[in-house]
Amino acid sequence: MARPTYIRGEILPPAAQGMEVPRREQGLLGASDADLNLIASWLDDRFEVPGLGIRFGLDALIGWIPGIGDALAALASMFIVVSAWKRGAARITVLRMMVNLTVENALGAIPLIGDFAHVAWKANRRNYNLLMRDRQSVQRHTWKDWLFVIAACLVVALLFLGPIALLVYVIKTRAWH
């Protein structure tokens, strides 16, 4: 008699041949697609500026708390990314999600400009849409995904290196006078 094979971490015996196991609909802490959509909505587009149609969420509002606002918003934003990772989303999808958060939070650290970045970029809504695309797609990633990640990494690197280059320039010009 053939010995049954077990998948590492599996508790129940494997399903019989031809028997389909339903795909898990919930991610981290039991968060369903609807829960993740609600989180993205509250963080990015729950409120609207009357007459302008500009939508924003708690992500932009939390950023106004001095010192810890942006960190709290980034922590809340990680919930969708961790859920995607726990669901087994493609690595490029999780990487794109992280880049979305990095861009938004790097820009978010700049006073005033950062508040507009939270309203314009909407990383949580983007990440939720990426997760839904990943779940529906047979092809796990495209060259456009990689191109976006590379371009975004370059932009983030420039955002971090720009102030350093400016500081070096100011120090060199002051040293000659």
C-alpha atoms as a PDB file:
ATOM      1  CA  MET A   1       0.000   0.000   0.000  1.00  0.00           C
ATOM      2  CA  ALA A   2       1.312   3.430  -0.989  1.00  0.00           C
ATOM      3  CA  ARG A   3       2.228   5.718   1.829  1.00  0.00           C
ATOM      4  CA  PRO A   4       0.247   9.011   1.823  1.00  0.00           C
ATOM      5  CA  THR A   5       2.246  12.164   1.218  1.00  0.00           C
ATOM      6  CA  TYR A   6       1.797  15.104   3.514  1.00  0.00           C
ATOM      7  CA  ILE A   7       2.493  18.746   2.931  1.00  0.00           C
ATOM      8  CA  ARG A   8       4.623  20.359   5.605  1.00  0.00           C
ATOM      9  CA  GLY A   9       2.357  21.986   8.187  1.00  0.00           C
ATOM     10  CA  GLU A  10      -0.711  20.080   7.044  1.00  0.00           C
ATOM     11  CA  ILE A  11      -2.966  18.931   9.867  1.00  0.00           C
ATOM     12  CA  LEU A  12      -5.599  16.906   8.032  1.00  0.00           C
ATOM     13  CA  PRO A  13      -4.812  14.121   5.589  1.00  0.00           C
ATOM     14  CA  PRO A  14      -4.646  15.245   1.964  1.00  0.00           C
ATOM     15  CA  ALA A  15      -7.910  15.451   0.018  1.00  0.00           C
ATOM     16  CA  ALA A  16      -8.826  12.527  -2.209  1.00  0.00           C
ATOM     17  CA  GLN A  17      -7.839  12.679  -5.882  1.00  0.00           C
ATOM     18  CA  GLY A  18     -10.204  14.974  -7.803  1.00  0.00           C
ATOM     19  CA  MET A  19     -11.654  16.535  -4.674  1.00  0.00           C
ATOM     20  CA  GLU A  20     -11.270  20.304  -4.761  1.00  0.00           C
ATOM     21  CA  VAL A  21     -10.306  22.198  -1.663  1.00  0.00           C
ATOM     22  CA  PRO A  22     -11.907  25.681  -1.547  1.00  0.00           C
ATOM     23  CA  ARG A  23      -9.472  28.573  -1.726  1.00  0.00           C
ATOM     24  CA  ARG A  24      -9.105  30.382   1.558  1.00  0.00           C
ATOM     25  CA  GLU A  25     -10.993  33.671   1.356  1.00  0.00           C
ATOM     26  CA  GLN A  26      -9.545  35.199   4.485  1.00  0.00           C
ATOM     27  CA  GLY A  27      -6.072  36.497   5.206  1.00  0.00           C
ATOM     28  CA  LEU A  28      -4.417  37.685   8.382  1.00  0.00           C
ATOM     29  CA  LEU A  29      -6.644  37.654  11.467  1.00  0.00           C
ATOM     30  CA  GLY A  30      -9.628  36.538   9.412  1.00  0.00           C
ATOM     31  CA  ALA A  31      -9.661  39.612   7.146  1.00  0.00           C
ATOM     32  CA  SER A  32     -11.841  38.933   4.118  1.00  0.00           C
ATOM     33  CA  ASP A  33     -11.669  40.824   0.830  1.00  0.00           C
ATOM     34  CA  ALA A  34     -14.524  43.007   2.079  1.00  0.00           C
ATOM     35  CA  ASP A  35     -12.611  43.757   5.301  1.00  0.00           C
ATOM     36  CA  LEU A  36      -9.489  44.732   3.377  1.00  0.00           C
ATOM     37  CA  ASN A  37     -11.560  46.909   1.043  1.00  0.00           C
ATOM     38  CA  LEU A  38     -13.078  48.621   4.083  1.00  0.00           C
ATOM     39  CA  ILE A  39      -9.619  49.242   5.533  1.00  0.00           C
ATOM     40  CA  ALA A  40      -8.408  50.721   2.234  1.00  0.00           C
ATOM     41  CA  SER A  41     -11.534  52.862   2.068  1.00  0.00           C
ATOM     42  CA  TRP A  42     -11.159  54.232   5.598  1.00  0.00           C
ATOM     43  CA  LEU A  43      -7.460  54.936   5.110  1.00  0.00           C
ATOM     44  CA  ASP A  44      -7.630  56.475   1.624  1.00  0.00           C
ATOM     45  CA  ASP A  45     -11.021  57.584   0.363  1.00  0.00           C
ATOM     46  CA  ARG A  46     -13.670  57.612   3.089  1.00  0.00           C
ATOM     47  CA  PHE A  47     -14.264  61.375   3.153  1.00  0.00           C
ATOM     48  CA  GLU A  48     -14.869  63.900   0.382  1.00  0.00           C
ATOM     49  CA  VAL A  49     -14.144  67.619   0.127  1.00  0.00           C
ATOM     50  CA  PRO A  50     -17.571  69.112  -0.658  1.00  0.00           C
ATOM     51  CA  GLY A  51     -17.821  70.605  -4.123  1.00  0.00           C
ATOM     52  CA  LEU A  52     -14.348  69.452  -5.212  1.00  0.00           C
ATOM     53  CA  GLY A  53     -14.841  65.713  -5.317  1.00  0.00           C
ATOM     54  CA  ILE A  54     -11.403  65.149  -3.744  1.00  0.00           C
ATOM     55  CA  ARG A  55     -11.467  62.057  -1.574  1.00  0.00           C
ATOM     56  CA  PHE A  56      -9.197  61.410   1.418  1.00  0.00           C
ATOM     57  CA  GLY A  57      -9.086  59.120   4.400  1.00  0.00           C
ATOM     58  CA  LEU A  58      -7.674  58.672   7.860  1.00  0.00           C
ATOM     59  CA  ASP A  59      -4.192  58.205   6.384  1.00  0.00           C
ATOM     60  CA  ALA A  60      -4.070  61.929   5.514  1.00  0.00           C
ATOM     61  CA  LEU A  61      -5.671  62.976   8.814  1.00  0.00           C
ATOM     62  CA  ILE A  62      -3.458  60.819  11.048  1.00  0.00           C
ATOM     63  CA  GLY A  63      -0.430  62.395   9.373  1.00  0.00           C
ATOM     64  CA  TRP A  64      -1.247  65.688  11.107  1.00  0.00           C
ATOM     65  CA  ILE A  65      -0.403  64.212  14.536  1.00  0.00           C
ATOM     66  CA  PRO A  66       3.063  65.621  15.310  1.00  0.00           C
ATOM     67  CA  GLY A  67       5.862  63.103  15.653  1.00  0.00           C
ATOM     68  CA  ILE A  68       3.989  59.823  15.336  1.00  0.00           C
ATOM     69  CA  GLY A  69       1.209  60.487  12.821  1.00  0.00           C
ATOM     70  CA  ASP A  70       3.000  59.234   9.718  1.00  0.00           C
ATOM     71  CA  ALA A  71       4.357  56.203  11.580  1.00  0.00           C
ATOM     72  CA  LEU A  72       0.853  55.250  12.768  1.00  0.00           C
ATOM     73  CA  ALA A  73      -0.542  55.656   9.248  1.00  0.00           C
ATOM     74  CA  ALA A  74       2.264  53.495   7.824  1.00  0.00           C
ATOM     75  CA  LEU A  75       1.611  50.835  10.459  1.00  0.00           C
ATOM     76  CA  ALA A  76      -2.090  50.744   9.597  1.00  0.00           C
ATOM     77  CA  SER A  77      -1.203  50.526   5.902  1.00  0.00           C
ATOM     78  CA  MET A  78       0.913  47.437   6.511  1.00  0.00           C
ATOM     79  CA  PHE A  79      -2.214  45.410   7.362  1.00  0.00           C
ATOM     80  CA  ILE A  80      -3.127  44.967   3.675  1.00  0.00           C
ATOM     81  CA  VAL A  81       0.465  44.098   2.738  1.00  0.00           C
ATOM     82  CA  VAL A  82       0.795  41.504   5.512  1.00  0.00           C
ATOM     83  CA  SER A  83      -2.587  40.045   4.537  1.00  0.00           C
ATOM     84  CA  ALA A  84      -1.409  39.729   0.925  1.00  0.00           C
ATOM     85  CA  TRP A  85       1.774  38.004   2.058  1.00  0.00           C
ATOM     86  CA  LYS A  86      -0.145  35.606   4.316  1.00  0.00           C
ATOM     87  CA  ARG A  87      -2.485  34.763   1.408  1.00  0.00           C
ATOM     88  CA  GLY A  88       0.469  33.811  -0.757  1.00  0.00           C
ATOM     89  CA  ALA A  89       0.379  36.718  -3.204  1.00  0.00           C
ATOM     90  CA  ALA A  90       3.171  36.787  -5.782  1.00  0.00           C
ATOM     91  CA  ARG A  91       6.421  38.262  -4.491  1.00  0.00           C
ATOM     92  CA  ILE A  92       6.354  41.004  -7.115  1.00  0.00           C
ATOM     93  CA  THR A  93       2.865  41.989  -5.937  1.00  0.00           C
ATOM     94  CA  VAL A  94       4.005  42.246  -2.314  1.00  0.00           C
ATOM     95  CA  LEU A  95       7.105  44.148  -3.460  1.00  0.00           C
ATOM     96  CA  ARG A  96       4.952  46.592  -5.425  1.00  0.00           C
ATOM     97  CA  MET A  97       2.763  47.058  -2.355  1.00  0.00           C
ATOM     98  CA  MET A  98       5.820  47.849  -0.245  1.00  0.00           C
ATOM     99  CA  VAL A  99       7.068  50.301  -2.864  1.00  0.00           C
ATOM    100  CA  ASN A 100       3.652  52.014  -2.897  1.00  0.00           C
ATOM    101  CA  LEU A 101       3.875  52.491   0.866  1.00  0.00           C
ATOM    102  CA  THR A 102       7.493  53.614   0.671  1.00  0.00           C
ATOM    103  CA  VAL A 103       6.736  56.259  -1.943  1.00  0.00           C
ATOM    104  CA  GLU A 104       3.718  57.564  -0.042  1.00  0.00           C
ATOM    105  CA  ASN A 105       5.520  57.642   3.299  1.00  0.00           C
ATOM    106  CA  ALA A 106       8.757  59.095   1.911  1.00  0.00           C
ATOM    107  CA  LEU A 107       6.751  61.922   0.372  1.00  0.00           C
ATOM    108  CA  GLY A 108       4.581  62.013   3.494  1.00  0.00           C
ATOM    109  CA  ALA A 109       7.601  62.926   5.604  1.00  0.00           C
ATOM    110  CA  ILE A 110       7.907  66.262   3.766  1.00  0.00           C
ATOM    111  CA  PRO A 111       5.841  68.912   5.574  1.00  0.00           C
ATOM    112  CA  LEU A 112       2.705  70.038   3.664  1.00  0.00           C
ATOM    113  CA  ILE A 113       3.745  68.205   0.484  1.00  0.00           C
ATOM    114  CA  GLY A 114       3.333  64.952   2.387  1.00  0.00           C
ATOM    115  CA  ASP A 115      -0.268  65.717   3.250  1.00  0.00           C
ATOM    116  CA  PHE A 116      -1.063  66.140  -0.434  1.00  0.00           C
ATOM    117  CA  ALA A 117       0.878  62.948  -1.213  1.00  0.00           C
ATOM    118  CA  HIS A 118      -1.425  60.937   1.061  1.00  0.00           C
ATOM    119  CA  VAL A 119      -4.463  62.342  -0.723  1.00  0.00           C
ATOM    120  CA  ALA A 120      -3.049  61.902  -4.246  1.00  0.00           C
ATOM    121  CA  TRP A 121      -1.117  58.607  -4.077  1.00  0.00           C
ATOM    122  CA  LYS A 122      -3.640  56.480  -2.095  1.00  0.00           C
ATOM    123  CA  ALA A 123      -1.249  53.589  -1.468  1.00  0.00           C
ATOM    124  CA  ASN A 124      -3.825  51.516   0.412  1.00  0.00           C
ATOM    125  CA  ARG A 125      -6.347  51.631  -2.432  1.00  0.00           C
ATOM    126  CA  ARG A 126      -3.558  50.786  -4.890  1.00  0.00           C
ATOM    127  CA  ASN A 127      -2.447  47.883  -2.715  1.00  0.00           C
ATOM    128  CA  TYR A 128      -5.959  46.501  -2.364  1.00  0.00           C
ATOM    129  CA  ASN A 129      -6.381  46.667  -6.154  1.00  0.00           C
ATOM    130  CA  LEU A 130      -3.020  44.919  -6.630  1.00  0.00           C
ATOM    131  CA  LEU A 131      -4.118  42.126  -4.287  1.00  0.00           C
ATOM    132  CA  MET A 132      -7.395  41.655  -6.185  1.00  0.00           C
ATOM    133  CA  ARG A 133      -5.510  41.627  -9.508  1.00  0.00           C
ATOM    134  CA  ASP A 134      -3.073  39.058  -8.128  1.00  0.00           C
ATOM    135  CA  ARG A 135      -5.898  36.776  -7.009  1.00  0.00           C
ATOM    136  CA  GLN A 136      -7.635  36.935 -10.409  1.00  0.00           C
ATOM    137  CA  SER A 137      -4.553  36.709 -12.584  1.00  0.00           C
ATOM    138  CA  VAL A 138      -3.135  33.477 -13.917  1.00  0.00           C
ATOM    139  CA  GLN A 139       0.091  35.230 -14.828  1.00  0.00           C
ATOM    140  CA  ARG A 140       1.764  36.130 -11.549  1.00  0.00           C
ATOM    141  CA  HIS A 141       3.626  39.217 -12.767  1.00  0.00           C
ATOM    142  CA  THR A 142       4.391  41.248 -15.854  1.00  0.00           C
ATOM    143  CA  TRP A 143       7.316  43.287 -17.096  1.00  0.00           C
ATOM    144  CA  LYS A 144       5.300  46.401 -16.218  1.00  0.00           C
ATOM    145  CA  ASP A 145       5.338  45.321 -12.563  1.00  0.00           C
ATOM    146  CA  TRP A 146       9.126  45.064 -12.599  1.00  0.00           C
ATOM    147  CA  LEU A 147       9.451  48.359 -14.480  1.00  0.00           C
ATOM    148  CA  PHE A 148       7.279  50.090 -11.875  1.00  0.00           C
ATOM    149  CA  VAL A 149       9.307  48.642  -8.993  1.00  0.00           C
ATOM    150  CA  ILE A 150      12.616  49.682 -10.549  1.00  0.00           C
ATOM    151  CA  ALA A 151      11.385  53.210 -11.382  1.00  0.00           C
ATOM    152  CA  ALA A 152       9.838  53.669  -7.932  1.00  0.00           C
ATOM    153  CA  CYS A 153      13.030  52.483  -6.225  1.00  0.00           C
ATOM    154  CA  LEU A 154      14.998  55.043  -8.233  1.00  0.00           C
ATOM    155  CA  VAL A 155      12.569  57.804  -7.243  1.00  0.00           C
ATOM    156  CA  VAL A 156      12.774  56.824  -3.577  1.00  0.00           C
ATOM    157  CA  ALA A 157      16.579  56.712  -3.777  1.00  0.00           C
ATOM    158  CA  LEU A 158      16.563  60.224  -5.256  1.00  0.00           C
ATOM    159  CA  LEU A 159      14.229  61.403  -2.494  1.00  0.00           C
ATOM    160  CA  PHE A 160      16.695  60.154   0.106  1.00  0.00           C
ATOM    161  CA  LEU A 161      19.861  61.217  -1.704  1.00  0.00           C
ATOM    162  CA  GLY A 162      18.559  64.653  -2.762  1.00  0.00           C
ATOM    163  CA  PRO A 163      18.763  66.244   0.708  1.00  0.00           C
ATOM    164  CA  ILE A 164      22.209  64.717   1.260  1.00  0.00           C
ATOM    165  CA  ALA A 165      23.471  66.119  -2.050  1.00  0.00           C
ATOM    166  CA  LEU A 166      21.990  69.513  -1.169  1.00  0.00           C
ATOM    167  CA  LEU A 167      23.708  69.446   2.229  1.00  0.00           C
ATOM    168  CA  VAL A 168      27.065  68.558   0.664  1.00  0.00           C
ATOM    169  CA  TYR A 169      26.617  71.375  -1.866  1.00  0.00           C
ATOM    170  CA  VAL A 170      25.817  73.916   0.862  1.00  0.00           C
ATOM    171  CA  ILE A 171      28.794  72.811   2.976  1.00  0.00           C
ATOM    172  CA  LYS A 172      31.188  73.037  -0.004  1.00  0.00           C
ATOM    173  CA  THR A 173      29.964  76.483  -1.061  1.00  0.00           C
ATOM    174  CA  ARG A 174      30.181  77.785   2.534  1.00  0.00           C
ATOM    175  CA  ALA A 175      33.690  76.368   2.957  1.00  0.00           C
ATOM    176  CA  TRP A 176      35.069  78.572   0.140  1.00  0.00           C
ATOM    177  CA  HIS A 177      33.673  81.828   1.527  1.00  0.00           C
END
